[in-house]
Amino acid sequence: MIVINQKGHVTAGTSTNGARHKIPGRVGDSPVAGAGAYADSTAGGAAATGDGDVMMRFLPSYHAVELMRAGTDPTTACKKAITRIRKYFPQFFGAMICANITGGYGEYQGTVSITL
């Protein structure tokens, strides 16, 4: 979720699915700033879902917000953040949403191609 209030303050949040068979005490991507979600009131916000262990290595939400800060539109920022992960983890399946401070928004889903 990404919220921009009337004063222009941006916040983003996400939750974990409680991955099956997780190691007791393991921290998922949700509480790691930049992995599950990230917001900066000078640029925008992003929230992602997918394999948290992989996402914590790449901080896709932070990456997308920094791309928007540099002028990238939200949809392209989402796509670039997910595509960067898939470059190293081709089987990664994830998605993200992004919104910039002007109210523009977008999403991208990285899917695995299956040949029948």
PDB file of N, CA and C in Angstrom:
ATOM      1  N   MET A   1       0.839  -1.164   0.000  1.00  0.00           N
ATOM      2  CA  MET A   1       0.000   0.000   0.000  1.00  0.00           C
ATOM      3  C   MET A   1       0.891   1.236   0.000  1.00  0.00           C
ATOM      4  N   ILE A   2       0.494   2.234  -0.764  1.00  0.00           N
ATOM      5  CA  ILE A   2       1.190   3.518  -0.799  1.00  0.00           C
ATOM      6  C   ILE A   2       0.142   4.597  -0.582  1.00  0.00           C
ATOM      7  N   VAL A   3       0.454   5.534   0.309  1.00  0.00           N
ATOM      8  CA  VAL A   3      -0.490   6.603   0.618  1.00  0.00           C
ATOM      9  C   VAL A   3       0.229   7.946   0.518  1.00  0.00           C
ATOM     10  N   ILE A   4      -0.421   8.898  -0.146  1.00  0.00           N
ATOM     11  CA  ILE A   4       0.066  10.270  -0.199  1.00  0.00           C
ATOM     12  C   ILE A   4      -1.031  11.136   0.403  1.00  0.00           C
ATOM     13  N   ASN A   5      -0.724  11.811   1.520  1.00  0.00           N
ATOM     14  CA  ASN A   5      -1.777  12.598   2.170  1.00  0.00           C
ATOM     15  C   ASN A   5      -1.903  13.992   1.557  1.00  0.00           C
ATOM     16  N   GLN A   6      -2.819  14.781   2.078  1.00  0.00           N
ATOM     17  CA  GLN A   6      -3.109  16.101   1.527  1.00  0.00           C
ATOM     18  C   GLN A   6      -1.923  17.046   1.607  1.00  0.00           C
ATOM     19  N   LYS A   7      -1.015  16.805   2.535  1.00  0.00           N
ATOM     20  CA  LYS A   7       0.174  17.651   2.675  1.00  0.00           C
ATOM     21  C   LYS A   7       1.348  17.135   1.850  1.00  0.00           C
ATOM     22  N   GLY A   8       1.140  16.030   1.127  1.00  0.00           N
ATOM     23  CA  GLY A   8       2.184  15.484   0.276  1.00  0.00           C
ATOM     24  C   GLY A   8       3.110  14.500   0.950  1.00  0.00           C
ATOM     25  N   HIS A   9       2.807  14.113   2.179  1.00  0.00           N
ATOM     26  CA  HIS A   9       3.631  13.116   2.869  1.00  0.00           C
ATOM     27  C   HIS A   9       3.319  11.736   2.301  1.00  0.00           C
ATOM     28  N   VAL A  10       4.355  10.969   2.041  1.00  0.00           N
ATOM     29  CA  VAL A  10       4.210   9.651   1.433  1.00  0.00           C
ATOM     30  C   VAL A  10       4.582   8.582   2.448  1.00  0.00           C
ATOM     31  N   THR A  11       3.798   7.512   2.471  1.00  0.00           N
ATOM     32  CA  THR A  11       4.124   6.349   3.297  1.00  0.00           C
ATOM     33  C   THR A  11       3.795   5.093   2.493  1.00  0.00           C
ATOM     34  N   ALA A  12       4.498   4.024   2.805  1.00  0.00           N
ATOM     35  CA  ALA A  12       4.263   2.754   2.109  1.00  0.00           C
ATOM     36  C   ALA A  12       4.338   1.633   3.134  1.00  0.00           C
ATOM     37  N   GLY A  13       3.590   0.585   2.909  1.00  0.00           N
ATOM     38  CA  GLY A  13       3.618  -0.537   3.839  1.00  0.00           C
ATOM     39  C   GLY A  13       3.299  -1.833   3.127  1.00  0.00           C
ATOM     40  N   THR A  14       3.691  -2.913   3.738  1.00  0.00           N
ATOM     41  CA  THR A  14       3.440  -4.238   3.207  1.00  0.00           C
ATOM     42  C   THR A  14       3.386  -5.208   4.387  1.00  0.00           C
ATOM     43  N   SER A  15       2.980  -6.407   4.131  1.00  0.00           N
ATOM     44  CA  SER A  15       2.962  -7.423   5.187  1.00  0.00           C
ATOM     45  C   SER A  15       3.545  -8.704   4.631  1.00  0.00           C
ATOM     46  N   THR A  16       3.856  -9.615   5.506  1.00  0.00           N
ATOM     47  CA  THR A  16       4.444 -10.873   5.083  1.00  0.00           C
ATOM     48  C   THR A  16       3.382 -11.954   5.016  1.00  0.00           C
ATOM     49  N   ASN A  17       3.638 -12.949   4.200  1.00  0.00           N
ATOM     50  CA  ASN A  17       2.677 -14.046   4.116  1.00  0.00           C
ATOM     51  C   ASN A  17       3.018 -15.152   5.105  1.00  0.00           C
ATOM     52  N   GLY A  18       4.140 -15.004   5.833  1.00  0.00           N
ATOM     53  CA  GLY A  18       4.526 -16.047   6.780  1.00  0.00           C
ATOM     54  C   GLY A  18       4.927 -17.308   6.049  1.00  0.00           C
ATOM     55  N   ALA A  19       5.932 -17.207   5.209  1.00  0.00           N
ATOM     56  CA  ALA A  19       6.365 -18.320   4.351  1.00  0.00           C
ATOM     57  C   ALA A  19       6.388 -19.652   5.094  1.00  0.00           C
ATOM     58  N   ARG A  20       5.873 -20.669   4.417  1.00  0.00           N
ATOM     59  CA  ARG A  20       5.869 -22.017   4.995  1.00  0.00           C
ATOM     60  C   ARG A  20       7.296 -22.468   5.256  1.00  0.00           C
ATOM     61  N   HIS A  21       7.457 -23.227   6.281  1.00  0.00           N
ATOM     62  CA  HIS A  21       8.742 -23.836   6.627  1.00  0.00           C
ATOM     63  C   HIS A  21       9.825 -22.806   6.924  1.00  0.00           C
ATOM     64  N   LYS A  22       9.447 -21.590   7.296  1.00  0.00           N
ATOM     65  CA  LYS A  22      10.468 -20.596   7.590  1.00  0.00           C
ATOM     66  C   LYS A  22      11.181 -20.960   8.882  1.00  0.00           C
ATOM     67  N   ILE A  23      12.393 -20.540   8.984  1.00  0.00           N
ATOM     68  CA  ILE A  23      13.210 -20.798  10.156  1.00  0.00           C
ATOM     69  C   ILE A  23      12.682 -19.936  11.301  1.00  0.00           C
ATOM     70  N   PRO A  24      12.449 -20.520  12.487  1.00  0.00           N
ATOM     71  CA  PRO A  24      11.967 -19.718  13.613  1.00  0.00           C
ATOM     72  C   PRO A  24      12.908 -18.540  13.891  1.00  0.00           C
ATOM     73  N   GLY A  25      12.327 -17.370  14.046  1.00  0.00           N
ATOM     74  CA  GLY A  25      13.110 -16.173  14.319  1.00  0.00           C
ATOM     75  C   GLY A  25      13.573 -15.439  13.073  1.00  0.00           C
ATOM     76  N   ARG A  26      13.358 -16.026  11.915  1.00  0.00           N
ATOM     77  CA  ARG A  26      13.768 -15.386  10.663  1.00  0.00           C
ATOM     78  C   ARG A  26      12.980 -14.100  10.459  1.00  0.00           C
ATOM     79  N   VAL A  27      13.662 -13.070  10.027  1.00  0.00           N
ATOM     80  CA  VAL A  27      13.016 -11.805   9.696  1.00  0.00           C
ATOM     81  C   VAL A  27      12.801 -11.797   8.193  1.00  0.00           C
ATOM     82  N   GLY A  28      11.588 -11.537   7.773  1.00  0.00           N
ATOM     83  CA  GLY A  28      11.287 -11.477   6.344  1.00  0.00           C
ATOM     84  C   GLY A  28      11.602 -10.109   5.771  1.00  0.00           C
ATOM     85  N   ASP A  29      11.174  -9.887   4.541  1.00  0.00           N
ATOM     86  CA  ASP A  29      11.476  -8.641   3.853  1.00  0.00           C
ATOM     87  C   ASP A  29      10.603  -7.470   4.305  1.00  0.00           C
ATOM     88  N   SER A  30       9.437  -7.750   4.871  1.00  0.00           N
ATOM     89  CA  SER A  30       8.515  -6.664   5.232  1.00  0.00           C
ATOM     90  C   SER A  30       9.132  -5.618   6.164  1.00  0.00           C
ATOM     91  N   PRO A  31       9.846  -6.011   7.215  1.00  0.00           N
ATOM     92  CA  PRO A  31      10.399  -4.984   8.103  1.00  0.00           C
ATOM     93  C   PRO A  31      11.730  -4.398   7.630  1.00  0.00           C
ATOM     94  N   VAL A  32      12.254  -4.873   6.524  1.00  0.00           N
ATOM     95  CA  VAL A  32      13.534  -4.371   6.015  1.00  0.00           C
ATOM     96  C   VAL A  32      13.257  -3.204   5.068  1.00  0.00           C
ATOM     97  N   ALA A  33      13.654  -2.007   5.493  1.00  0.00           N
ATOM     98  CA  ALA A  33      13.405  -0.815   4.672  1.00  0.00           C
ATOM     99  C   ALA A  33      14.012  -0.980   3.295  1.00  0.00           C
ATOM    100  N   GLY A  34      13.197  -0.765   2.273  1.00  0.00           N
ATOM    101  CA  GLY A  34      13.663  -0.845   0.902  1.00  0.00           C
ATOM    102  C   GLY A  34      13.410  -2.181   0.241  1.00  0.00           C
ATOM    103  N   ALA A  35      13.153  -3.213   1.034  1.00  0.00           N
ATOM    104  CA  ALA A  35      12.889  -4.536   0.459  1.00  0.00           C
ATOM    105  C   ALA A  35      11.400  -4.659   0.164  1.00  0.00           C
ATOM    106  N   GLY A  36      10.567  -4.782   1.196  1.00  0.00           N
ATOM    107  CA  GLY A  36       9.129  -4.913   1.008  1.00  0.00           C
ATOM    108  C   GLY A  36       8.456  -3.605   0.646  1.00  0.00           C
ATOM    109  N   ALA A  37       8.898  -2.512   1.270  1.00  0.00           N
ATOM    110  CA  ALA A  37       8.289  -1.201   1.005  1.00  0.00           C
ATOM    111  C   ALA A  37       9.304  -0.099   1.297  1.00  0.00           C
ATOM    112  N   TYR A  38       9.074   1.063   0.658  1.00  0.00           N
ATOM    113  CA  TYR A  38       9.938   2.214   0.901  1.00  0.00           C
ATOM    114  C   TYR A  38       9.175   3.453   0.461  1.00  0.00           C
ATOM    115  N   ALA A  39       9.354   4.540   1.192  1.00  0.00           N
ATOM    116  CA  ALA A  39       8.705   5.799   0.832  1.00  0.00           C
ATOM    117  C   ALA A  39       9.620   6.964   1.171  1.00  0.00           C
ATOM    118  N   ASP A  40       9.551   7.980   0.350  1.00  0.00           N
ATOM    119  CA  ASP A  40      10.281   9.222   0.569  1.00  0.00           C
ATOM    120  C   ASP A  40       9.391  10.339   0.044  1.00  0.00           C
ATOM    121  N   SER A  41       9.037  11.266   0.897  1.00  0.00           N
ATOM    122  CA  SER A  41       8.089  12.315   0.518  1.00  0.00           C
ATOM    123  C   SER A  41       8.625  13.272  -0.539  1.00  0.00           C
ATOM    124  N   THR A  42       9.887  13.150  -0.915  1.00  0.00           N
ATOM    125  CA  THR A  42      10.423  13.982  -1.988  1.00  0.00           C
ATOM    126  C   THR A  42      10.425  13.265  -3.331  1.00  0.00           C
ATOM    127  N   ALA A  43      10.054  11.963  -3.335  1.00  0.00           N
ATOM    128  CA  ALA A  43      10.105  11.203  -4.584  1.00  0.00           C
ATOM    129  C   ALA A  43       8.863  10.346  -4.819  1.00  0.00           C
ATOM    130  N   GLY A  44       8.445   9.564  -3.805  1.00  0.00           N
ATOM    131  CA  GLY A  44       7.298   8.672  -3.956  1.00  0.00           C
ATOM    132  C   GLY A  44       7.432   7.455  -3.069  1.00  0.00           C
ATOM    133  N   GLY A  45       6.678   6.425  -3.392  1.00  0.00           N
ATOM    134  CA  GLY A  45       6.703   5.206  -2.584  1.00  0.00           C
ATOM    135  C   GLY A  45       6.551   3.982  -3.450  1.00  0.00           C
ATOM    136  N   ALA A  46       6.973   2.829  -2.883  1.00  0.00           N
ATOM    137  CA  ALA A  46       6.866   1.564  -3.594  1.00  0.00           C
ATOM    138  C   ALA A  46       6.628   0.448  -2.593  1.00  0.00           C
ATOM    139  N   ALA A  47       5.934  -0.576  -3.037  1.00  0.00           N
ATOM    140  CA  ALA A  47       5.711  -1.776  -2.224  1.00  0.00           C
ATOM    141  C   ALA A  47       5.815  -2.981  -3.149  1.00  0.00           C
ATOM    142  N   ALA A  48       6.466  -4.035  -2.646  1.00  0.00           N
ATOM    143  CA  ALA A  48       6.732  -5.207  -3.485  1.00  0.00           C
ATOM    144  C   ALA A  48       6.314  -6.481  -2.780  1.00  0.00           C
ATOM    145  N   THR A  49       6.113  -7.517  -3.576  1.00  0.00           N
ATOM    146  CA  THR A  49       5.810  -8.835  -3.059  1.00  0.00           C
ATOM    147  C   THR A  49       6.590  -9.858  -3.870  1.00  0.00           C
ATOM    148  N   GLY A  50       6.934 -10.945  -3.229  1.00  0.00           N
ATOM    149  CA  GLY A  50       7.696 -11.987  -3.900  1.00  0.00           C
ATOM    150  C   GLY A  50       8.512 -12.751  -2.871  1.00  0.00           C
ATOM    151  N   ASP A  51       9.562 -13.416  -3.311  1.00  0.00           N
ATOM    152  CA  ASP A  51      10.440 -14.167  -2.422  1.00  0.00           C
ATOM    153  C   ASP A  51      11.265 -13.187  -1.604  1.00  0.00           C
ATOM    154  N   GLY A  52      10.892 -13.059  -0.338  1.00  0.00           N
ATOM    155  CA  GLY A  52      11.531 -12.081   0.538  1.00  0.00           C
ATOM    156  C   GLY A  52      13.019 -12.279   0.704  1.00  0.00           C
ATOM    157  N   ASP A  53      13.479 -13.533   0.718  1.00  0.00           N
ATOM    158  CA  ASP A  53      14.909 -13.791   0.868  1.00  0.00           C
ATOM    159  C   ASP A  53      15.689 -13.231  -0.312  1.00  0.00           C
ATOM    160  N   VAL A  54      15.107 -13.266  -1.489  1.00  0.00           N
ATOM    161  CA  VAL A  54      15.751 -12.691  -2.662  1.00  0.00           C
ATOM    162  C   VAL A  54      15.606 -11.172  -2.631  1.00  0.00           C
ATOM    163  N   MET A  55      14.420 -10.680  -2.314  1.00  0.00           N
ATOM    164  CA  MET A  55      14.172  -9.236  -2.329  1.00  0.00           C
ATOM    165  C   MET A  55      15.061  -8.490  -1.340  1.00  0.00           C
ATOM    166  N   MET A  56      15.388  -9.105  -0.219  1.00  0.00           N
ATOM    167  CA  MET A  56      16.254  -8.432   0.751  1.00  0.00           C
ATOM    168  C   MET A  56      17.650  -8.192   0.184  1.00  0.00           C
ATOM    169  N   ARG A  57      18.044  -8.940  -0.809  1.00  0.00           N
ATOM    170  CA  ARG A  57      19.363  -8.756  -1.431  1.00  0.00           C
ATOM    171  C   ARG A  57      19.389  -7.588  -2.403  1.00  0.00           C
ATOM    172  N   PHE A  58      18.226  -7.210  -2.936  1.00  0.00           N
ATOM    173  CA  PHE A  58      18.172  -6.213  -3.997  1.00  0.00           C
ATOM    174  C   PHE A  58      17.461  -4.909  -3.614  1.00  0.00           C
ATOM    175  N   LEU A  59      16.707  -4.898  -2.523  1.00  0.00           N
ATOM    176  CA  LEU A  59      15.951  -3.714  -2.083  1.00  0.00           C
ATOM    177  C   LEU A  59      15.182  -3.067  -3.241  1.00  0.00           C
ATOM    178  N   PRO A  60      14.270  -3.823  -3.856  1.00  0.00           N
ATOM    179  CA  PRO A  60      13.575  -3.310  -5.041  1.00  0.00           C
ATOM    180  C   PRO A  60      12.723  -2.071  -4.779  1.00  0.00           C
ATOM    181  N   SER A  61      12.132  -1.964  -3.611  1.00  0.00           N
ATOM    182  CA  SER A  61      11.300  -0.793  -3.334  1.00  0.00           C
ATOM    183  C   SER A  61      12.153   0.471  -3.249  1.00  0.00           C
ATOM    184  N   TYR A  62      13.287   0.364  -2.590  1.00  0.00           N
ATOM    185  CA  TYR A  62      14.219   1.500  -2.528  1.00  0.00           C
ATOM    186  C   TYR A  62      14.698   1.867  -3.931  1.00  0.00           C
ATOM    187  N   HIS A  63      15.072   0.855  -4.699  1.00  0.00           N
ATOM    188  CA  HIS A  63      15.565   1.082  -6.053  1.00  0.00           C
ATOM    189  C   HIS A  63      14.520   1.832  -6.884  1.00  0.00           C
ATOM    190  N   ALA A  64      13.272   1.392  -6.817  1.00  0.00           N
ATOM    191  CA  ALA A  64      12.207   2.032  -7.604  1.00  0.00           C
ATOM    192  C   ALA A  64      12.002   3.492  -7.189  1.00  0.00           C
ATOM    193  N   VAL A  65      12.037   3.766  -5.894  1.00  0.00           N
ATOM    194  CA  VAL A  65      11.857   5.149  -5.423  1.00  0.00           C
ATOM    195  C   VAL A  65      13.017   6.021  -5.915  1.00  0.00           C
ATOM    196  N   GLU A  66      14.218   5.495  -5.882  1.00  0.00           N
ATOM    197  CA  GLU A  66      15.359   6.275  -6.375  1.00  0.00           C
ATOM    198  C   GLU A  66      15.260   6.514  -7.883  1.00  0.00           C
ATOM    199  N   LEU A  67      14.744   5.550  -8.621  1.00  0.00           N
ATOM    200  CA  LEU A  67      14.519   5.753 -10.050  1.00  0.00           C
ATOM    201  C   LEU A  67      13.493   6.862 -10.279  1.00  0.00           C
ATOM    202  N   MET A  68      12.414   6.863  -9.480  1.00  0.00           N
ATOM    203  CA  MET A  68      11.401   7.918  -9.623  1.00  0.00           C
ATOM    204  C   MET A  68      11.993   9.274  -9.250  1.00  0.00           C
ATOM    205  N   ARG A  69      12.862   9.312  -8.245  1.00  0.00           N
ATOM    206  CA  ARG A  69      13.517  10.571  -7.862  1.00  0.00           C
ATOM    207  C   ARG A  69      14.298  11.141  -9.061  1.00  0.00           C
ATOM    208  N   ALA A  70      14.867  10.239  -9.859  1.00  0.00           N
ATOM    209  CA  ALA A  70      15.656  10.651 -11.021  1.00  0.00           C
ATOM    210  C   ALA A  70      14.783  10.952 -12.241  1.00  0.00           C
ATOM    211  N   GLY A  71      13.452  10.854 -12.091  1.00  0.00           N
ATOM    212  CA  GLY A  71      12.551  11.220 -13.178  1.00  0.00           C
ATOM    213  C   GLY A  71      11.902  10.070 -13.920  1.00  0.00           C
ATOM    214  N   THR A  72      12.192   8.834 -13.532  1.00  0.00           N
ATOM    215  CA  THR A  72      11.575   7.676 -14.179  1.00  0.00           C
ATOM    216  C   THR A  72      10.101   7.597 -13.789  1.00  0.00           C
ATOM    217  N   ASP A  73       9.235   7.286 -14.738  1.00  0.00           N
ATOM    218  CA  ASP A  73       7.810   7.156 -14.420  1.00  0.00           C
ATOM    219  C   ASP A  73       7.590   5.908 -13.557  1.00  0.00           C
ATOM    220  N   PRO A  74       6.523   5.871 -12.757  1.00  0.00           N
ATOM    221  CA  PRO A  74       6.306   4.767 -11.821  1.00  0.00           C
ATOM    222  C   PRO A  74       6.261   3.372 -12.444  1.00  0.00           C
ATOM    223  N   THR A  75       5.600   3.205 -13.582  1.00  0.00           N
ATOM    224  CA  THR A  75       5.532   1.878 -14.195  1.00  0.00           C
ATOM    225  C   THR A  75       6.918   1.397 -14.599  1.00  0.00           C
ATOM    226  N   THR A  76       7.692   2.256 -15.209  1.00  0.00           N
ATOM    227  CA  THR A  76       9.040   1.891 -15.631  1.00  0.00           C
ATOM    228  C   THR A  76       9.930   1.619 -14.421  1.00  0.00           C
ATOM    229  N   ALA A  77       9.772   2.392 -13.364  1.00  0.00           N
ATOM    230  CA  ALA A  77      10.555   2.169 -12.138  1.00  0.00           C
ATOM    231  C   ALA A  77      10.262   0.783 -11.566  1.00  0.00           C
ATOM    232  N   CYS A  78       8.984   0.404 -11.532  1.00  0.00           N
ATOM    233  CA  CYS A  78       8.614  -0.934 -11.059  1.00  0.00           C
ATOM    234  C   CYS A  78       9.256  -2.003 -11.933  1.00  0.00           C
ATOM    235  N   LYS A  79       9.132  -1.838 -13.231  1.00  0.00           N
ATOM    236  CA  LYS A  79       9.662  -2.833 -14.167  1.00  0.00           C
ATOM    237  C   LYS A  79      11.174  -2.971 -14.019  1.00  0.00           C
ATOM    238  N   LYS A  80      11.887  -1.864 -13.923  1.00  0.00           N
ATOM    239  CA  LYS A  80      13.346  -1.920 -13.794  1.00  0.00           C
ATOM    240  C   LYS A  80      13.772  -2.592 -12.494  1.00  0.00           C
ATOM    241  N   ALA A  81      13.056  -2.346 -11.411  1.00  0.00           N
ATOM    242  CA  ALA A  81      13.411  -2.950 -10.120  1.00  0.00           C
ATOM    243  C   ALA A  81      13.222  -4.464 -10.150  1.00  0.00           C
ATOM    244  N   ILE A  82      12.121  -4.930 -10.722  1.00  0.00           N
ATOM    245  CA  ILE A  82      11.871  -6.374 -10.809  1.00  0.00           C
ATOM    246  C   ILE A  82      12.814  -7.024 -11.824  1.00  0.00           C
ATOM    247  N   THR A  83      13.023  -6.361 -12.959  1.00  0.00           N
ATOM    248  CA  THR A  83      13.900  -6.905 -14.000  1.00  0.00           C
ATOM    249  C   THR A  83      15.326  -7.050 -13.493  1.00  0.00           C
ATOM    250  N   ARG A  84      15.764  -6.134 -12.652  1.00  0.00           N
ATOM    251  CA  ARG A  84      17.110  -6.223 -12.068  1.00  0.00           C
ATOM    252  C   ARG A  84      17.264  -7.505 -11.260  1.00  0.00           C
ATOM    253  N   ILE A  85      16.248  -7.870 -10.497  1.00  0.00           N
ATOM    254  CA  ILE A  85      16.292  -9.121  -9.723  1.00  0.00           C
ATOM    255  C   ILE A  85      16.324 -10.305 -10.676  1.00  0.00           C
ATOM    256  N   ARG A  86      15.462 -10.292 -11.684  1.00  0.00           N
ATOM    257  CA  ARG A  86      15.350 -11.433 -12.601  1.00  0.00           C
ATOM    258  C   ARG A  86      16.606 -11.636 -13.434  1.00  0.00           C
ATOM    259  N   LYS A  87      17.444 -10.614 -13.552  1.00  0.00           N
ATOM    260  CA  LYS A  87      18.715 -10.763 -14.252  1.00  0.00           C
ATOM    261  C   LYS A  87      19.581 -11.808 -13.539  1.00  0.00           C
ATOM    262  N   TYR A  88      19.527 -11.810 -12.219  1.00  0.00           N
ATOM    263  CA  TYR A  88      20.339 -12.725 -11.412  1.00  0.00           C
ATOM    264  C   TYR A  88      19.576 -13.957 -10.942  1.00  0.00           C
ATOM    265  N   PHE A  89      18.259 -13.826 -10.830  1.00  0.00           N
ATOM    266  CA  PHE A  89      17.383 -14.918 -10.402  1.00  0.00           C
ATOM    267  C   PHE A  89      16.259 -15.054 -11.431  1.00  0.00           C
ATOM    268  N   PRO A  90      16.537 -15.711 -12.575  1.00  0.00           N
ATOM    269  CA  PRO A  90      15.550 -15.789 -13.660  1.00  0.00           C
ATOM    270  C   PRO A  90      14.220 -16.413 -13.250  1.00  0.00           C
ATOM    271  N   GLN A  91      14.201 -17.260 -12.241  1.00  0.00           N
ATOM    272  CA  GLN A  91      12.963 -17.905 -11.803  1.00  0.00           C
ATOM    273  C   GLN A  91      12.200 -17.070 -10.773  1.00  0.00           C
ATOM    274  N   PHE A  92      12.712 -15.876 -10.440  1.00  0.00           N
ATOM    275  CA  PHE A  92      12.045 -15.022  -9.454  1.00  0.00           C
ATOM    276  C   PHE A  92      10.680 -14.605  -9.974  1.00  0.00           C
ATOM    277  N   PHE A  93       9.686 -14.725  -9.117  1.00  0.00           N
ATOM    278  CA  PHE A  93       8.342 -14.249  -9.427  1.00  0.00           C
ATOM    279  C   PHE A  93       7.998 -13.195  -8.391  1.00  0.00           C
ATOM    280  N   GLY A  94       7.677 -12.007  -8.834  1.00  0.00           N
ATOM    281  CA  GLY A  94       7.333 -10.939  -7.903  1.00  0.00           C
ATOM    282  C   GLY A  94       6.563  -9.847  -8.617  1.00  0.00           C
ATOM    283  N   ALA A  95       6.082  -8.910  -7.835  1.00  0.00           N
ATOM    284  CA  ALA A  95       5.330  -7.787  -8.386  1.00  0.00           C
ATOM    285  C   ALA A  95       5.532  -6.584  -7.489  1.00  0.00           C
ATOM    286  N   MET A  96       5.302  -5.415  -8.050  1.00  0.00           N
ATOM    287  CA  MET A  96       5.387  -4.221  -7.228  1.00  0.00           C
ATOM    288  C   MET A  96       4.485  -3.118  -7.753  1.00  0.00           C
ATOM    289  N   ILE A  97       4.191  -2.197  -6.848  1.00  0.00           N
ATOM    290  CA  ILE A  97       3.424  -1.004  -7.177  1.00  0.00           C
ATOM    291  C   ILE A  97       4.279   0.202  -6.809  1.00  0.00           C
ATOM    292  N   CYS A  98       4.116   1.281  -7.563  1.00  0.00           N
ATOM    293  CA  CYS A  98       4.869   2.505  -7.317  1.00  0.00           C
ATOM    294  C   CYS A  98       3.944   3.704  -7.495  1.00  0.00           C
ATOM    295  N   ALA A  99       4.205   4.755  -6.746  1.00  0.00           N
ATOM    296  CA  ALA A  99       3.489   6.017  -6.922  1.00  0.00           C
ATOM    297  C   ALA A  99       4.475   7.154  -6.692  1.00  0.00           C
ATOM    298  N   ASN A 100       4.429   8.160  -7.562  1.00  0.00           N
ATOM    299  CA  ASN A 100       5.311   9.309  -7.364  1.00  0.00           C
ATOM    300  C   ASN A 100       4.553  10.439  -6.675  1.00  0.00           C
ATOM    301  N   ILE A 101       5.255  11.510  -6.365  1.00  0.00           N
ATOM    302  CA  ILE A 101       4.633  12.580  -5.570  1.00  0.00           C
ATOM    303  C   ILE A 101       3.651  13.430  -6.365  1.00  0.00           C
ATOM    304  N   THR A 102       3.591  13.257  -7.671  1.00  0.00           N
ATOM    305  CA  THR A 102       2.609  14.001  -8.458  1.00  0.00           C
ATOM    306  C   THR A 102       1.317  13.206  -8.647  1.00  0.00           C
ATOM    307  N   GLY A 103       1.273  11.995  -8.053  1.00  0.00           N
ATOM    308  CA  GLY A 103       0.069  11.171  -8.139  1.00  0.00           C
ATOM    309  C   GLY A 103       0.109  10.132  -9.238  1.00  0.00           C
ATOM    310  N   GLY A 104       1.190  10.098 -10.006  1.00  0.00           N
ATOM    311  CA  GLY A 104       1.334   9.057 -11.017  1.00  0.00           C
ATOM    312  C   GLY A 104       1.573   7.718 -10.333  1.00  0.00           C
ATOM    313  N   TYR A 105       1.080   6.658 -10.928  1.00  0.00           N
ATOM    314  CA  TYR A 105       1.262   5.340 -10.321  1.00  0.00           C
ATOM    315  C   TYR A 105       1.421   4.280 -11.402  1.00  0.00           C
ATOM    316  N   GLY A 106       1.950   3.132 -10.992  1.00  0.00           N
ATOM    317  CA  GLY A 106       2.132   2.041 -11.930  1.00  0.00           C
ATOM    318  C   GLY A 106       2.412   0.750 -11.205  1.00  0.00           C
ATOM    319  N   GLU A 107       2.490  -0.325 -11.967  1.00  0.00           N
ATOM    320  CA  GLU A 107       2.773  -1.643 -11.404  1.00  0.00           C
ATOM    321  C   GLU A 107       3.511  -2.470 -12.425  1.00  0.00           C
ATOM    322  N   TYR A 108       4.125  -3.544 -11.935  1.00  0.00           N
ATOM    323  CA  TYR A 108       4.777  -4.486 -12.828  1.00  0.00           C
ATOM    324  C   TYR A 108       4.805  -5.849 -12.153  1.00  0.00           C
ATOM    325  N   GLN A 109       4.588  -6.877 -12.945  1.00  0.00           N
ATOM    326  CA  GLN A 109       4.669  -8.262 -12.462  1.00  0.00           C
ATOM    327  C   GLN A 109       5.751  -8.972 -13.259  1.00  0.00           C
ATOM    328  N   GLY A 110       6.676  -9.574 -12.532  1.00  0.00           N
ATOM    329  CA  GLY A 110       7.698 -10.385 -13.186  1.00  0.00           C
ATOM    330  C   GLY A 110       7.242 -11.819 -13.148  1.00  0.00           C
ATOM    331  N   THR A 111       6.978 -12.406 -14.290  1.00  0.00           N
ATOM    332  CA  THR A 111       6.475 -13.770 -14.322  1.00  0.00           C
ATOM    333  C   THR A 111       7.485 -14.699 -14.963  1.00  0.00           C
ATOM    334  N   VAL A 112       7.371 -15.959 -14.649  1.00  0.00           N
ATOM    335  CA  VAL A 112       8.218 -16.983 -15.217  1.00  0.00           C
ATOM    336  C   VAL A 112       7.512 -17.573 -16.427  1.00  0.00           C
ATOM    337  N   SER A 113       8.203 -17.618 -17.559  1.00  0.00           N
ATOM    338  CA  SER A 113       7.622 -18.208 -18.764  1.00  0.00           C
ATOM    339  C   SER A 113       7.641 -19.727 -18.646  1.00  0.00           C
ATOM    340  N   ILE A 114       6.537 -20.357 -18.970  1.00  0.00           N
ATOM    341  CA  ILE A 114       6.434 -21.809 -18.917  1.00  0.00           C
ATOM    342  C   ILE A 114       6.108 -22.309 -20.310  1.00  0.00           C
ATOM    343  N   THR A 115       6.962 -23.187 -20.816  1.00  0.00           N
ATOM    344  CA  THR A 115       6.722 -23.761 -22.133  1.00  0.00           C
ATOM    345  C   THR A 115       5.985 -25.088 -21.950  1.00  0.00           C
ATOM    346  N   LEU A 116       4.879 -25.235 -22.653  1.00  0.00           N
ATOM    347  CA  LEU A 116       4.089 -26.465 -22.572  1.00  0.00           C
ATOM    348  C   LEU A 116       4.489 -27.414 -23.673  1.00  0.00           C
TER     349      LEU A 116
END
